[in-house]
């Protein structure tokens, strides 16, 4: 089987262009206002709100400690770090609200059934079906709310390339 030259030349010239497209692109810069968590080469873990953007070319960046109130201009709480002193960088990407709800709801159901058993063990009369449903519903709502509050207070982080 012979391959003609006019079929082979386009492949030879287009192959490097196609391979170059497979290279990873440069990471997008992190703009000021982003909440980041980073590990210094010394091992310390620090979180802060960026006051200056972090780009691949940046040699340093400024931040205000997180959580905390915003830093006014010229505040002594503003810190600066060299990018070469950072071994790991993560960006805040929301909260753990949904996992908190997913833990709170079944916990509420279990506590509702436990409450019904506890009531029936101490009471001479049994709860009606609608009362049992009400106990389980209230318990589920309360525990789901508590799970949501806990999850809402826990930050979710993702690595920044």
Foldseek 3Di string as FASTA:
>chain_A
DDDDPVVVVVCVVCVVVVVVVPDDDFFDKAAAQWWKWFAFPVGDIFIFGWPHIGGPPAQKTKTAGPPDDDADPPRPRIDMDTPVRTDFMKTWDAWQQVVLLVVQQVVLQVVLVVVQVVCVVPDPDHDDPVVSVVSSVVSNVVSSVVSNVVRRPGTDIDTGD
